[in-house]
Amino acid sequence: MKRLMVLLTFLMLICLFATGALAASVATARKLSGDVTQRSGEKSIYAALSAGSPLAEGSWVRTGKNGWVELALSDGSTLTLANNGELELTRLRLGKDKREGLINLAQGKLRANVVKLAGKQADIKVKSGTAVAGVKGTSFMMMSEGPANVFFGNEGIVSIKGTGQEEKLMTAGTMTQTTRGYDPQEPVKVEPGSPLADALKTFNEITGETPPADWLAGDALPSIIARWNVNYARYLADRGSYQEALRILQIAIDLVQKAEIRADAWLERGTIQGRFLDNPRAALAEFLLVLEEYPNLPQAEIALFSVGQTLYELKLFDQAASRLRQYVAIYPNGRYRSTSDTLLNAIETLQKPQ
């Protein structure tokens, strides 16, 4: 019996040693601030993370509303996660001859600094649910909000893909984005003094070497970029890039829950569908979204008139008249009152018995 107990103890020690070897550290929480937690796998419970703590492959790290953490990988690369973020160290193989890995950014804002080592190629990917960034040794930033993803290049070249095969190469000082697995936008230069430059500056600050003084600045990033998207889509439509404009507007909608931005984006999508792509039914769907979601916003006036006008173009005269009368009743002195009266008179004439 005594020999059996000794044998069982020996086997347990071997199992513990093997488990420890399998859970070898691939990263260290070098610096952190505020609410930062970690778990060892998807089924584990989050617990507080301390500076200096090792992290094994498969570990998850999460930051709260005032959380910030810098993770140091074993090859000298770093990952900095700003507040309200969550990532998984899915797979990391950072050996003497091979440097490859996969980081899963579930949500939030991340800076990845992948070091270049002489004679050692790196193949590290950062993915969300709808996009993948492939890096060979570079510095870039990625924001994942719902299905939308935004990327800024700081140094080197980054390959960006949606869920398809087409990739875009992002260089330093440029930005690209995607949503819902669509192909990424053609990278655009971040012009000095532009809203994108402001967004890049803020992104650098919240993922810098120290925690930011102002967390609210980082929280505003999705709205800044979404508003820029609405304006940029107008430029794209003016030059005839209608499908790209529609994709950029969809990113704006997916990035934020801010009512004014989403309403403006739906109106722009409706205008492009109806005016430029001769697709009134698609336009009607966009305008109706504004009325259904945000009936009390100023944009609802434009949407209501546009619904009536589009129904008229579709020769659905009874429905058009109903919407136009609704417009006149709600906005008796509205900007489209005169045109609404004209369309109502035209409908009345068309419906008179011959």
Protein backbone atom coordinates (compact mmCIF):
# COMPACT_ATOMS: atom_id res chain seq x y z
CA MET A 1 0.00 0.00 0.00
CA LYS A 2 2.84 2.33 0.89
CA ARG A 3 4.54 1.64 -2.42
CA LEU A 4 1.28 2.34 -4.24
CA MET A 5 0.92 5.71 -2.50
CA VAL A 6 4.49 6.63 -3.44
CA LEU A 7 3.82 5.65 -7.05
CA LEU A 8 0.60 7.68 -7.19
CA THR A 9 2.36 10.70 -5.72
CA PHE A 10 5.12 10.36 -8.29
CA LEU A 11 2.59 10.18 -11.14
CA MET A 12 0.77 13.26 -9.83
CA LEU A 13 4.02 15.21 -9.78
CA ILE A 14 4.70 14.18 -13.35
CA CYS A 15 1.23 15.36 -14.39
CA LEU A 16 1.71 18.67 -12.63
CA PHE A 17 5.08 19.15 -14.31
CA ALA A 18 3.60 18.32 -17.71
CA THR A 19 0.72 20.74 -17.17
CA GLY A 20 3.15 23.47 -16.22
CA ALA A 21 5.23 22.81 -19.31
CA LEU A 22 2.18 22.96 -21.54
CA ALA A 23 1.14 26.23 -19.93
CA ALA A 24 4.53 27.85 -20.42
CA SER A 25 4.54 31.62 -20.38
CA VAL A 26 4.33 33.34 -23.77
CA ALA A 27 3.80 36.88 -22.47
CA THR A 28 4.11 38.99 -19.35
CA ALA A 29 1.88 41.78 -18.08
CA ARG A 30 4.73 44.28 -18.00
CA LYS A 31 2.70 47.38 -17.09
CA LEU A 32 -0.94 47.92 -16.23
CA SER A 33 -3.32 50.45 -14.73
CA GLY A 34 -6.90 50.38 -13.50
CA ASP A 35 -9.27 47.47 -14.02
CA VAL A 36 -7.35 44.67 -15.78
CA THR A 37 -8.32 40.99 -15.49
CA GLN A 38 -7.30 37.68 -17.07
CA ARG A 39 -8.53 34.13 -17.44
CA SER A 40 -6.75 30.99 -18.59
CA GLY A 41 -9.36 29.97 -21.17
CA GLU A 42 -12.85 30.62 -22.49
CA LYS A 43 -14.46 28.54 -19.72
CA SER A 44 -12.48 30.12 -16.90
CA ILE A 45 -13.54 33.05 -14.72
CA TYR A 46 -11.80 36.41 -14.98
CA ALA A 47 -9.57 37.36 -12.06
CA ALA A 48 -7.41 40.40 -11.34
CA LEU A 49 -4.13 40.59 -13.26
CA SER A 50 -1.02 41.92 -11.55
CA ALA A 51 2.00 43.59 -13.14
CA GLY A 52 4.71 41.04 -13.80
CA SER A 53 2.29 38.11 -14.06
CA PRO A 54 3.08 35.54 -16.77
CA LEU A 55 0.45 34.60 -19.33
CA ALA A 56 0.20 31.28 -21.11
CA GLU A 57 -1.01 30.52 -24.60
CA GLY A 58 -4.81 30.63 -24.65
CA SER A 59 -5.01 33.30 -21.95
CA TRP A 60 -7.56 36.10 -22.23
CA VAL A 61 -6.94 39.64 -21.01
CA ARG A 62 -9.69 42.20 -20.44
CA THR A 63 -9.62 45.90 -19.52
CA GLY A 64 -12.43 47.83 -17.84
CA LYS A 65 -13.53 51.41 -18.46
CA ASN A 66 -10.32 52.74 -16.87
CA GLY A 67 -8.10 49.75 -17.64
CA TRP A 68 -4.84 49.72 -19.62
CA VAL A 69 -2.19 47.03 -20.01
CA GLU A 70 1.05 46.46 -21.89
CA LEU A 71 1.93 42.84 -22.61
CA ALA A 72 5.53 41.93 -23.39
CA LEU A 73 6.02 38.88 -25.63
CA SER A 74 9.04 36.65 -25.27
CA ASP A 75 10.69 38.00 -28.45
CA GLY A 76 10.48 41.63 -27.31
CA SER A 77 7.28 42.52 -29.17
CA THR A 78 4.55 44.32 -27.22
CA LEU A 79 0.76 44.49 -27.25
CA THR A 80 -0.93 47.48 -25.62
CA LEU A 81 -4.65 47.17 -24.91
CA ALA A 82 -6.59 50.34 -24.05
CA ASN A 83 -9.74 50.53 -21.93
CA ASN A 84 -12.87 48.47 -22.60
CA GLY A 85 -10.90 45.88 -24.54
CA GLU A 86 -10.53 42.12 -24.62
CA LEU A 87 -8.01 39.89 -26.38
CA GLU A 88 -6.85 36.29 -26.46
CA LEU A 89 -3.28 35.06 -26.85
CA THR A 90 -4.59 32.34 -29.12
CA ARG A 91 -1.32 30.92 -30.41
CA LEU A 92 2.27 32.09 -30.03
CA ARG A 93 5.37 30.26 -31.25
CA LEU A 94 8.27 32.63 -30.70
CA GLY A 95 11.27 30.31 -30.93
CA LYS A 96 14.79 30.62 -32.28
CA ASP A 97 13.88 29.60 -35.80
CA LYS A 98 10.21 30.47 -36.07
CA ARG A 99 8.12 33.45 -34.96
CA GLU A 100 4.44 33.02 -35.59
CA GLY A 101 1.30 33.71 -33.68
CA LEU A 102 -2.37 34.58 -33.61
CA ILE A 103 -3.94 37.24 -31.40
CA ASN A 104 -7.73 37.47 -31.20
CA LEU A 105 -8.97 41.01 -30.53
CA ALA A 106 -12.55 40.43 -29.40
CA GLN A 107 -13.16 44.15 -28.91
CA GLY A 108 -11.40 47.39 -28.14
CA LYS A 109 -8.30 49.31 -29.19
CA LEU A 110 -4.91 47.64 -29.56
CA ARG A 111 -1.40 48.70 -30.55
CA ALA A 112 0.89 45.92 -31.77
CA ASN A 113 4.64 46.54 -31.95
CA VAL A 114 6.21 43.49 -33.59
CA VAL A 115 9.99 43.73 -33.44
CA LYS A 116 12.24 42.95 -36.37
CA LEU A 117 14.97 40.43 -35.57
CA ALA A 118 17.83 39.78 -37.97
CA GLY A 119 17.42 36.49 -39.77
CA LYS A 120 14.08 35.71 -38.14
CA GLN A 121 10.89 36.13 -40.14
CA ALA A 122 7.75 36.94 -38.18
CA ASP A 123 4.26 35.83 -39.14
CA ILE A 124 1.97 37.21 -36.47
CA LYS A 125 -1.70 37.82 -37.14
CA VAL A 126 -4.17 39.91 -35.19
CA LYS A 127 -7.77 38.98 -35.95
CA SER A 128 -11.25 40.01 -34.96
CA GLY A 129 -14.46 38.24 -35.88
CA THR A 130 -14.49 39.90 -39.31
CA ALA A 131 -10.92 40.93 -40.23
CA VAL A 132 -7.28 39.84 -40.07
CA ALA A 133 -4.09 41.91 -39.93
CA GLY A 134 -0.89 40.09 -40.87
CA VAL A 135 2.42 41.58 -39.75
CA LYS A 136 6.03 40.66 -40.44
CA GLY A 137 7.67 43.16 -38.13
CA THR A 138 5.95 46.49 -37.78
CA SER A 139 3.83 48.78 -35.62
CA PHE A 140 0.13 49.32 -36.19
CA MET A 141 -3.09 49.99 -34.31
CA MET A 142 -6.43 48.22 -34.58
CA MET A 143 -9.86 49.05 -33.23
CA SER A 144 -12.64 46.47 -33.22
CA GLU A 145 -16.18 47.69 -32.50
CA GLY A 146 -18.91 45.15 -33.19
CA PRO A 147 -18.43 43.94 -36.77
CA ALA A 148 -16.39 47.04 -37.73
CA ASN A 149 -12.60 47.27 -37.72
CA VAL A 150 -10.31 50.30 -38.16
CA PHE A 151 -6.54 50.11 -38.74
CA PHE A 152 -3.80 52.75 -38.59
CA GLY A 153 -0.25 52.11 -39.80
CA ASN A 154 2.63 53.44 -37.71
CA GLU A 155 5.61 51.65 -39.25
CA GLY A 156 6.28 49.03 -41.90
CA ILE A 157 3.64 47.22 -43.95
CA VAL A 158 0.54 45.43 -42.68
CA SER A 159 -1.65 43.11 -44.73
CA ILE A 160 -5.37 43.66 -44.02
CA LYS A 161 -8.10 41.24 -45.07
CA GLY A 162 -11.78 40.72 -44.43
CA THR A 163 -13.14 37.18 -44.54
CA GLY A 164 -12.44 36.95 -48.28
CA GLN A 165 -9.16 36.60 -50.16
CA GLU A 166 -8.55 40.20 -51.21
CA GLU A 167 -5.98 42.01 -49.10
CA LYS A 168 -4.89 45.64 -48.82
CA LEU A 169 -1.38 46.64 -47.84
CA MET A 170 -1.35 49.41 -45.26
CA THR A 171 1.78 51.49 -44.80
CA ALA A 172 2.86 54.05 -42.21
CA GLY A 173 0.67 57.13 -42.04
CA THR A 174 -2.34 55.49 -43.68
CA MET A 175 -5.67 54.10 -42.50
CA THR A 176 -8.02 51.40 -43.71
CA GLN A 177 -11.19 49.83 -42.37
CA THR A 178 -13.74 47.12 -42.98
CA THR A 179 -16.92 45.63 -41.56
CA ARG A 180 -18.95 42.42 -41.73
CA GLY A 181 -16.06 40.60 -43.42
CA TYR A 182 -16.14 42.84 -46.52
CA ASP A 183 -12.94 43.60 -48.41
CA PRO A 184 -11.02 46.44 -46.75
CA GLN A 185 -11.23 50.02 -47.94
CA GLU A 186 -8.38 51.22 -50.13
CA PRO A 187 -5.92 52.70 -47.57
CA VAL A 188 -6.06 56.49 -47.35
CA LYS A 189 -3.35 58.89 -46.23
CA VAL A 190 -3.84 60.51 -42.85
CA GLU A 191 -3.62 64.19 -43.78
CA PRO A 192 -2.26 66.64 -41.18
CA GLY A 193 -4.99 68.68 -39.49
CA SER A 194 -7.75 66.28 -40.55
CA PRO A 195 -10.16 64.43 -38.24
CA LEU A 196 -8.21 61.28 -39.08
CA ALA A 197 -5.03 62.94 -37.82
CA ASP A 198 -6.82 63.79 -34.58
CA ALA A 199 -8.00 60.19 -34.30
CA LEU A 200 -4.48 58.87 -34.92
CA LYS A 201 -3.03 61.20 -32.29
CA THR A 202 -5.61 60.05 -29.74
CA PHE A 203 -5.03 56.40 -30.64
CA ASN A 204 -1.30 56.82 -30.08
CA GLU A 205 -1.92 58.48 -26.72
CA ILE A 206 -4.24 55.81 -25.33
CA THR A 207 -1.89 52.99 -26.40
CA GLY A 208 1.36 54.76 -25.57
CA GLU A 209 4.03 53.78 -23.05
CA THR A 210 1.97 55.08 -20.13
CA PRO A 211 -1.78 55.09 -19.36
CA PRO A 212 -3.61 58.11 -20.82
CA ALA A 213 -4.70 61.00 -18.65
CA ASP A 214 -8.04 61.28 -20.47
CA TRP A 215 -10.01 58.08 -21.04
CA LEU A 216 -12.92 59.92 -22.65
CA ALA A 217 -10.74 60.90 -25.60
CA GLY A 218 -10.29 57.25 -26.49
CA ASP A 219 -13.99 56.52 -26.05
CA ALA A 220 -14.75 59.18 -28.68
CA LEU A 221 -12.63 57.49 -31.38
CA PRO A 222 -15.46 55.48 -33.00
CA SER A 223 -17.62 58.60 -33.35
CA ILE A 224 -14.77 60.66 -34.81
CA ILE A 225 -14.03 58.04 -37.45
CA ALA A 226 -17.71 57.35 -38.18
CA ARG A 227 -18.38 61.05 -38.77
CA TRP A 228 -15.33 61.23 -41.05
CA ASN A 229 -16.74 58.23 -42.94
CA VAL A 230 -20.01 60.03 -43.64
CA ASN A 231 -18.16 63.03 -45.07
CA TYR A 232 -15.69 60.87 -47.00
CA ALA A 233 -18.55 58.87 -48.51
CA ARG A 234 -19.94 62.09 -50.00
CA TYR A 235 -16.58 62.69 -51.66
CA LEU A 236 -16.56 59.13 -53.00
CA ALA A 237 -20.08 59.52 -54.37
CA ASP A 238 -19.13 62.78 -56.09
CA ARG A 239 -16.31 61.02 -57.92
CA GLY A 240 -18.52 58.08 -58.87
CA SER A 241 -17.23 55.45 -56.40
CA TYR A 242 -20.73 54.51 -55.30
CA GLN A 243 -20.16 50.98 -53.99
CA GLU A 244 -17.15 52.06 -51.96
CA ALA A 245 -19.19 54.94 -50.55
CA LEU A 246 -21.93 52.50 -49.49
CA ARG A 247 -19.36 50.31 -47.71
CA ILE A 248 -17.81 53.29 -45.91
CA LEU A 249 -21.27 54.39 -44.74
CA GLN A 250 -22.01 50.87 -43.49
CA ILE A 251 -18.81 51.00 -41.43
CA ALA A 252 -20.00 54.29 -39.91
CA ILE A 253 -23.30 52.66 -38.94
CA ASP A 254 -21.57 49.61 -37.46
CA LEU A 255 -18.97 51.63 -35.54
CA VAL A 256 -21.32 53.64 -33.36
CA GLN A 257 -24.71 53.75 -31.69
CA LYS A 258 -24.82 57.54 -31.90
CA ALA A 259 -28.21 58.38 -33.39
CA GLU A 260 -27.23 61.46 -35.41
CA ILE A 261 -24.34 59.72 -37.18
CA ARG A 262 -26.33 56.59 -37.99
CA ALA A 263 -29.26 58.64 -39.30
CA ASP A 264 -26.97 60.71 -41.53
CA ALA A 265 -25.32 57.55 -42.85
CA TRP A 266 -28.66 55.93 -43.70
CA LEU A 267 -29.80 59.10 -45.48
CA GLU A 268 -26.59 59.17 -47.53
CA ARG A 269 -26.96 55.49 -48.41
CA GLY A 270 -30.53 56.13 -49.52
CA THR A 271 -29.47 59.07 -51.67
CA ILE A 272 -26.74 57.02 -53.37
CA GLN A 273 -29.08 54.08 -54.00
CA GLY A 274 -31.87 56.22 -55.41
CA ARG A 275 -30.09 59.05 -57.20
CA PHE A 276 -26.95 57.37 -58.52
CA LEU A 277 -27.64 53.62 -58.66
CA ASP A 278 -31.28 53.81 -59.81
CA ASN A 279 -32.37 51.46 -57.05
CA PRO A 280 -35.40 53.15 -55.46
CA ARG A 281 -36.46 50.12 -53.43
CA ALA A 282 -33.05 49.93 -51.74
CA ALA A 283 -33.22 53.69 -51.17
CA LEU A 284 -36.68 53.33 -49.62
CA ALA A 285 -35.36 50.76 -47.14
CA GLU A 286 -32.61 53.13 -45.99
CA PHE A 287 -35.00 56.07 -45.51
CA LEU A 288 -37.48 53.91 -43.61
CA LEU A 289 -34.73 52.87 -41.19
CA VAL A 290 -34.32 56.50 -40.16
CA LEU A 291 -38.06 56.86 -39.54
CA GLU A 292 -38.27 53.62 -37.59
CA GLU A 293 -35.19 54.13 -35.44
CA TYR A 294 -35.05 57.91 -34.97
CA PRO A 295 -38.48 59.51 -35.63
CA ASN A 296 -37.72 62.49 -33.38
CA LEU A 297 -34.41 63.56 -34.93
CA PRO A 298 -34.21 66.45 -37.43
CA GLN A 299 -33.11 63.86 -40.03
CA ALA A 300 -36.60 62.34 -39.83
CA GLU A 301 -37.98 65.27 -41.84
CA ILE A 302 -35.67 64.48 -44.76
CA ALA A 303 -36.39 60.77 -44.42
CA LEU A 304 -40.17 61.20 -44.40
CA PHE A 305 -40.19 63.39 -47.50
CA SER A 306 -37.73 61.04 -49.23
CA VAL A 307 -40.02 58.08 -48.49
CA GLY A 308 -42.97 59.90 -50.06
CA GLN A 309 -40.95 60.99 -53.08
CA THR A 310 -39.49 57.51 -53.61
CA LEU A 311 -42.93 55.89 -53.40
CA TYR A 312 -44.09 58.38 -56.03
CA GLU A 313 -41.19 57.37 -58.30
CA LEU A 314 -42.21 53.73 -57.82
CA LYS A 315 -45.75 54.71 -58.90
CA LEU A 316 -47.15 53.57 -55.56
CA PHE A 317 -49.35 56.63 -55.51
CA ASP A 318 -51.66 55.80 -52.61
CA GLN A 319 -48.72 55.09 -50.29
CA ALA A 320 -46.87 58.13 -51.60
CA ALA A 321 -49.87 60.40 -50.93
CA SER A 322 -50.20 59.02 -47.40
CA ARG A 323 -46.57 59.76 -46.58
CA LEU A 324 -46.61 63.20 -48.19
CA ARG A 325 -49.77 64.17 -46.27
CA GLN A 326 -48.05 62.94 -43.12
CA TYR A 327 -45.11 65.20 -43.96
CA VAL A 328 -47.36 68.24 -44.47
CA ALA A 329 -49.15 67.57 -41.17
CA ILE A 330 -45.95 67.20 -39.14
CA TYR A 331 -43.91 69.87 -40.93
CA PRO A 332 -46.40 72.51 -42.16
CA ASN A 333 -43.54 74.96 -42.70
CA GLY A 334 -40.96 72.35 -43.61
CA ARG A 335 -38.26 72.73 -46.23
CA TYR A 336 -40.04 70.28 -48.55
CA ARG A 337 -43.58 71.63 -48.10
CA SER A 338 -43.77 73.16 -51.57
CA THR A 339 -42.46 70.04 -53.31
CA SER A 340 -44.80 67.86 -51.25
CA ASP A 341 -47.79 69.95 -52.36
CA THR A 342 -46.65 69.67 -55.97
CA LEU A 343 -46.38 65.88 -55.75
CA LEU A 344 -49.76 65.60 -54.01
CA ASN A 345 -51.39 67.65 -56.77
CA ALA A 346 -49.71 65.45 -59.38
CA ILE A 347 -51.01 62.31 -57.67
CA GLU A 348 -54.51 63.76 -57.50
CA THR A 349 -54.40 64.55 -61.21
CA LEU A 350 -53.14 61.07 -62.09
CA GLN A 351 -55.87 59.42 -60.04
CA LYS A 352 -58.76 61.46 -61.47
CA PRO A 353 -61.14 59.42 -63.62
CA GLN A 354 -60.53 60.07 -67.29
